[in-house]
Amino acid sequence: MNGQVRKDVRPGLEVDIVLKKDQRNGKLTRGVVKDLLTKSPSHPHGIKVRLEDGQVGRVKQIYQ
């Protein structure tokens, strides 16, 4: 899944996110979702989340 739909993303899932500083180069960071920060049901660039280690970015890939 690509992480653009809020109902697909929930705490505890392992995801790849792109951090704000990495938006230009597209570098992905893997972690486990702690909080969902996007309130809308979907977002074209990915749902914004906070990982358990405190990093914030938009979800690009969800692992089941």
Protein backbone atom coordinates (compact mmCIF):
# COMPACT_ATOMS: atom_id res chain seq x y z
CA MET A 1 0.00 0.00 0.00
CA ASN A 2 1.16 3.50 -0.74
CA GLY A 3 0.11 5.39 2.43
CA GLN A 4 -2.19 7.99 0.86
CA VAL A 5 -5.36 6.81 2.64
CA ARG A 6 -5.63 7.50 6.38
CA LYS A 7 -7.66 4.37 7.21
CA ASP A 8 -4.79 2.18 5.87
CA VAL A 9 -2.27 3.71 8.31
CA ARG A 10 -2.44 2.95 12.03
CA PRO A 11 -0.11 2.89 15.04
CA GLY A 12 2.14 -0.16 15.20
CA LEU A 13 2.54 -0.61 11.44
CA GLU A 14 6.01 -0.71 9.88
CA VAL A 15 6.28 1.96 7.17
CA ASP A 16 8.74 3.82 4.97
CA ILE A 17 8.44 7.60 5.22
CA VAL A 18 10.12 10.51 3.49
CA LEU A 19 11.34 13.16 5.93
CA LYS A 20 10.94 16.88 5.14
CA LYS A 21 14.71 17.24 4.64
CA ASP A 22 14.71 14.28 2.21
CA GLN A 23 11.81 15.40 -0.01
CA ARG A 24 14.15 16.51 -2.82
CA ASN A 25 16.22 13.33 -2.99
CA GLY A 26 13.41 10.90 -2.03
CA LYS A 27 15.44 9.04 0.63
CA LEU A 28 13.17 6.75 2.66
CA THR A 29 13.33 6.12 6.40
CA ARG A 30 11.83 2.94 7.88
CA GLY A 31 10.12 2.85 11.26
CA VAL A 32 7.02 1.99 13.26
CA VAL A 33 4.06 4.43 13.39
CA LYS A 34 3.38 6.04 16.77
CA ASP A 35 0.92 8.86 15.85
CA LEU A 36 -1.05 9.95 12.79
CA LEU A 37 -0.72 13.70 12.20
CA THR A 38 -2.87 14.12 9.06
CA LYS A 39 -6.54 14.63 9.93
CA SER A 40 -8.03 14.40 6.42
CA PRO A 41 -9.13 10.98 5.07
CA SER A 42 -6.47 11.06 2.32
CA HIS A 43 -3.50 13.10 1.11
CA PRO A 44 -1.86 12.96 -2.34
CA HIS A 45 1.70 13.05 -0.91
CA GLY A 46 1.05 10.51 1.85
CA ILE A 47 -0.34 10.59 5.38
CA LYS A 48 1.94 12.47 7.79
CA VAL A 49 2.99 10.36 10.79
CA ARG A 50 5.32 10.42 13.79
CA LEU A 51 7.46 7.31 14.19
CA GLU A 52 8.24 5.72 17.56
CA ASP A 53 11.73 7.30 17.41
CA GLY A 54 10.17 10.78 17.02
CA GLN A 55 10.86 11.38 13.31
CA VAL A 56 8.03 12.97 11.30
CA GLY A 57 7.32 12.41 7.61
CA ARG A 58 4.87 11.27 4.98
CA VAL A 59 4.15 7.58 4.43
CA LYS A 60 5.33 6.21 1.08
CA GLN A 61 5.07 2.45 1.72
CA ILE A 62 3.22 0.28 4.24
CA TYR A 63 4.46 -3.18 5.23
CA GLN A 64 1.96 -5.78 6.45
